[in-house]
């Protein structure tokens, strides 16, 4: 069963491994080099409150995470966010991404934030 909760600093090494796998094996992050724990700690610390960061646990491990991050520093973007979801390669295909997406979108709505158009890949 997938368990969602707020991320804590102790989750960061597992989250870093998930992120760096995406850096090295996809174009999803737009980073060109793996991140260090120190770099991701700075990233971690901008989250909370208006910018939630949640993890999905499965089988007692961090299987993925989702967050809302500031989109741009300009005042007109104060209610716009960047939505990110990363799933551990070993846990893909278990519905974790969909579960995280639903939860983080609900949190965005509760906070009065906007996000980009969600594409489902299905014809309507």
C-alpha atoms as a PDB file:
ATOM      1  CA  UNK A   1       0.000   0.000   0.000  1.00  0.00           C
ATOM      2  CA  UNK A   2       1.310   3.441  -0.952  1.00  0.00           C
ATOM      3  CA  UNK A   3       1.704   5.807   1.993  1.00  0.00           C
ATOM      4  CA  UNK A   4       2.031   9.559   1.359  1.00  0.00           C
ATOM      5  CA  UNK A   5       3.579  11.925   3.895  1.00  0.00           C
ATOM      6  CA  UNK A   6       5.517  15.155   4.175  1.00  0.00           C
ATOM      7  CA  UNK A   7       9.185  14.703   3.293  1.00  0.00           C
ATOM      8  CA  UNK A   8      11.698  14.981   6.125  1.00  0.00           C
ATOM      9  CA  UNK A   9      15.405  15.707   5.907  1.00  0.00           C
ATOM     10  CA  UNK A  10      16.212  12.048   6.621  1.00  0.00           C
ATOM     11  CA  UNK A  11      14.495  11.166   3.317  1.00  0.00           C
ATOM     12  CA  UNK A  12      16.939  13.271   1.340  1.00  0.00           C
ATOM     13  CA  UNK A  13      19.550  10.571   0.563  1.00  0.00           C
ATOM     14  CA  UNK A  14      16.858   8.334  -0.983  1.00  0.00           C
ATOM     15  CA  UNK A  15      15.328  11.300  -2.812  1.00  0.00           C
ATOM     16  CA  UNK A  16      18.785  12.284  -4.084  1.00  0.00           C
ATOM     17  CA  UNK A  17      19.330   8.781  -5.489  1.00  0.00           C
ATOM     18  CA  UNK A  18      15.954   8.943  -7.274  1.00  0.00           C
ATOM     19  CA  UNK A  19      16.723  12.389  -8.668  1.00  0.00           C
ATOM     20  CA  UNK A  20      20.237  11.522  -9.793  1.00  0.00           C
ATOM     21  CA  UNK A  21      18.975   8.421 -11.593  1.00  0.00           C
ATOM     22  CA  UNK A  22      16.707  10.757 -13.578  1.00  0.00           C
ATOM     23  CA  UNK A  23      19.586  13.176 -14.224  1.00  0.00           C
ATOM     24  CA  UNK A  24      21.793  10.413 -15.584  1.00  0.00           C
ATOM     25  CA  UNK A  25      19.172   8.474 -17.538  1.00  0.00           C
ATOM     26  CA  UNK A  26      16.595  10.981 -18.801  1.00  0.00           C
ATOM     27  CA  UNK A  27      16.116  14.554 -19.910  1.00  0.00           C
ATOM     28  CA  UNK A  28      13.404  15.198 -17.323  1.00  0.00           C
ATOM     29  CA  UNK A  29      15.477  17.268 -14.895  1.00  0.00           C
ATOM     30  CA  UNK A  30      17.339  19.564 -17.300  1.00  0.00           C
ATOM     31  CA  UNK A  31      20.377  19.069 -15.043  1.00  0.00           C
ATOM     32  CA  UNK A  32      23.456  17.773 -16.835  1.00  0.00           C
ATOM     33  CA  UNK A  33      25.325  16.408 -13.811  1.00  0.00           C
ATOM     34  CA  UNK A  34      24.309  14.452 -10.744  1.00  0.00           C
ATOM     35  CA  UNK A  35      23.583  16.617  -7.726  1.00  0.00           C
ATOM     36  CA  UNK A  36      25.386  16.458  -4.399  1.00  0.00           C
ATOM     37  CA  UNK A  37      23.684  16.045  -1.055  1.00  0.00           C
ATOM     38  CA  UNK A  38      24.652  19.629  -0.225  1.00  0.00           C
ATOM     39  CA  UNK A  39      23.031  20.958  -3.414  1.00  0.00           C
ATOM     40  CA  UNK A  40      19.847  19.010  -2.783  1.00  0.00           C
ATOM     41  CA  UNK A  41      19.761  20.173   0.833  1.00  0.00           C
ATOM     42  CA  UNK A  42      19.516  23.773  -0.427  1.00  0.00           C
ATOM     43  CA  UNK A  43      16.699  22.640  -2.751  1.00  0.00           C
ATOM     44  CA  UNK A  44      14.985  20.746   0.101  1.00  0.00           C
ATOM     45  CA  UNK A  45      15.023  23.803   2.343  1.00  0.00           C
ATOM     46  CA  UNK A  46      12.945  25.968  -0.022  1.00  0.00           C
ATOM     47  CA  UNK A  47      10.040  23.553   0.416  1.00  0.00           C
ATOM     48  CA  UNK A  48       7.338  23.436   3.047  1.00  0.00           C
ATOM     49  CA  UNK A  49       4.330  25.664   3.584  1.00  0.00           C
ATOM     50  CA  UNK A  50       3.418  27.189   0.214  1.00  0.00           C
ATOM     51  CA  UNK A  51       5.737  24.731  -1.561  1.00  0.00           C
ATOM     52  CA  UNK A  52       4.896  21.226  -0.300  1.00  0.00           C
ATOM     53  CA  UNK A  53       7.280  18.314  -0.717  1.00  0.00           C
ATOM     54  CA  UNK A  54       5.774  14.873  -0.218  1.00  0.00           C
ATOM     55  CA  UNK A  55       7.123  11.358  -0.453  1.00  0.00           C
ATOM     56  CA  UNK A  56       5.428   8.109  -1.351  1.00  0.00           C
ATOM     57  CA  UNK A  57       6.515   5.099   0.680  1.00  0.00           C
ATOM     58  CA  UNK A  58       6.083   1.556  -0.531  1.00  0.00           C
ATOM     59  CA  UNK A  59       7.514  -1.497   1.171  1.00  0.00           C
ATOM     60  CA  UNK A  60       9.101   0.780   3.790  1.00  0.00           C
ATOM     61  CA  UNK A  61      11.162   2.725   1.222  1.00  0.00           C
ATOM     62  CA  UNK A  62      10.864   6.135  -0.395  1.00  0.00           C
ATOM     63  CA  UNK A  63       9.494   5.069  -3.762  1.00  0.00           C
ATOM     64  CA  UNK A  64       8.997   8.546  -5.171  1.00  0.00           C
ATOM     65  CA  UNK A  65       8.302  12.152  -4.365  1.00  0.00           C
ATOM     66  CA  UNK A  66       6.447  15.198  -5.612  1.00  0.00           C
ATOM     67  CA  UNK A  67       6.836  18.876  -4.944  1.00  0.00           C
ATOM     68  CA  UNK A  68       5.669  22.322  -5.841  1.00  0.00           C
ATOM     69  CA  UNK A  69       8.489  24.818  -6.325  1.00  0.00           C
ATOM     70  CA  UNK A  70       8.628  28.529  -7.123  1.00  0.00           C
ATOM     71  CA  UNK A  71       8.215  29.044 -10.865  1.00  0.00           C
ATOM     72  CA  UNK A  72       9.745  32.505 -11.351  1.00  0.00           C
ATOM     73  CA  UNK A  73      10.829  35.257  -8.967  1.00  0.00           C
ATOM     74  CA  UNK A  74       8.790  38.008 -10.668  1.00  0.00           C
ATOM     75  CA  UNK A  75       5.721  39.166  -8.681  1.00  0.00           C
ATOM     76  CA  UNK A  76       3.255  38.212 -11.438  1.00  0.00           C
ATOM     77  CA  UNK A  77       4.238  34.567 -10.887  1.00  0.00           C
ATOM     78  CA  UNK A  78       3.524  34.608  -7.131  1.00  0.00           C
ATOM     79  CA  UNK A  79       0.730  32.036  -7.523  1.00  0.00           C
ATOM     80  CA  UNK A  80       2.359  29.912 -10.215  1.00  0.00           C
ATOM     81  CA  UNK A  81       4.417  26.854  -9.357  1.00  0.00           C
ATOM     82  CA  UNK A  82       6.534  24.188 -10.947  1.00  0.00           C
ATOM     83  CA  UNK A  83       5.276  20.686 -10.268  1.00  0.00           C
ATOM     84  CA  UNK A  84       7.808  17.854 -10.180  1.00  0.00           C
ATOM     85  CA  UNK A  85       7.345  14.124  -9.677  1.00  0.00           C
ATOM     86  CA  UNK A  86      10.131  11.541  -9.571  1.00  0.00           C
ATOM     87  CA  UNK A  87       9.714   7.800  -9.098  1.00  0.00           C
ATOM     88  CA  UNK A  88      12.386   5.276  -8.126  1.00  0.00           C
ATOM     89  CA  UNK A  89      13.116   3.104 -11.182  1.00  0.00           C
ATOM     90  CA  UNK A  90      12.416  -0.035  -9.145  1.00  0.00           C
ATOM     91  CA  UNK A  91       8.921   1.137  -8.221  1.00  0.00           C
ATOM     92  CA  UNK A  92       7.614   2.393 -11.540  1.00  0.00           C
ATOM     93  CA  UNK A  93       4.344   0.917 -12.763  1.00  0.00           C
ATOM     94  CA  UNK A  94       2.735   0.687  -9.311  1.00  0.00           C
ATOM     95  CA  UNK A  95       0.524   3.790  -9.569  1.00  0.00           C
ATOM     96  CA  UNK A  96       2.835   5.890  -7.409  1.00  0.00           C
ATOM     97  CA  UNK A  97       3.043   8.740  -9.916  1.00  0.00           C
ATOM     98  CA  UNK A  98      -0.737   8.970 -10.240  1.00  0.00           C
ATOM     99  CA  UNK A  99      -1.151   8.909  -6.468  1.00  0.00           C
ATOM    100  CA  UNK A 100       1.449  11.643  -6.008  1.00  0.00           C
ATOM    101  CA  UNK A 101      -0.043  13.729  -8.831  1.00  0.00           C
ATOM    102  CA  UNK A 102      -3.537  13.641  -7.343  1.00  0.00           C
ATOM    103  CA  UNK A 103      -2.290  14.605  -3.899  1.00  0.00           C
ATOM    104  CA  UNK A 104       0.023  17.422  -5.003  1.00  0.00           C
ATOM    105  CA  UNK A 105      -2.642  18.920  -7.308  1.00  0.00           C
ATOM    106  CA  UNK A 106      -5.113  18.899  -4.409  1.00  0.00           C
ATOM    107  CA  UNK A 107      -2.522  20.655  -2.242  1.00  0.00           C
ATOM    108  CA  UNK A 108      -1.947  23.251  -4.973  1.00  0.00           C
ATOM    109  CA  UNK A 109      -5.672  23.936  -5.180  1.00  0.00           C
ATOM    110  CA  UNK A 110      -5.940  24.212  -1.388  1.00  0.00           C
ATOM    111  CA  UNK A 111      -3.088  26.748  -1.425  1.00  0.00           C
ATOM    112  CA  UNK A 112      -4.661  28.753  -4.276  1.00  0.00           C
ATOM    113  CA  UNK A 113      -1.742  27.977  -6.602  1.00  0.00           C
ATOM    114  CA  UNK A 114      -1.850  27.354 -10.329  1.00  0.00           C
ATOM    115  CA  UNK A 115       0.089  24.818 -12.344  1.00  0.00           C
ATOM    116  CA  UNK A 116       0.597  23.923 -15.982  1.00  0.00           C
ATOM    117  CA  UNK A 117      -2.017  22.045 -17.980  1.00  0.00           C
ATOM    118  CA  UNK A 118      -1.994  18.347 -17.159  1.00  0.00           C
ATOM    119  CA  UNK A 119      -1.848  16.032 -20.151  1.00  0.00           C
ATOM    120  CA  UNK A 120      -3.079  12.506 -19.649  1.00  0.00           C
ATOM    121  CA  UNK A 121      -2.105  11.090 -23.012  1.00  0.00           C
ATOM    122  CA  UNK A 122      -5.701   9.941 -23.522  1.00  0.00           C
ATOM    123  CA  UNK A 123      -8.113  11.248 -26.080  1.00  0.00           C
ATOM    124  CA  UNK A 124     -11.050  13.019 -24.529  1.00  0.00           C
END
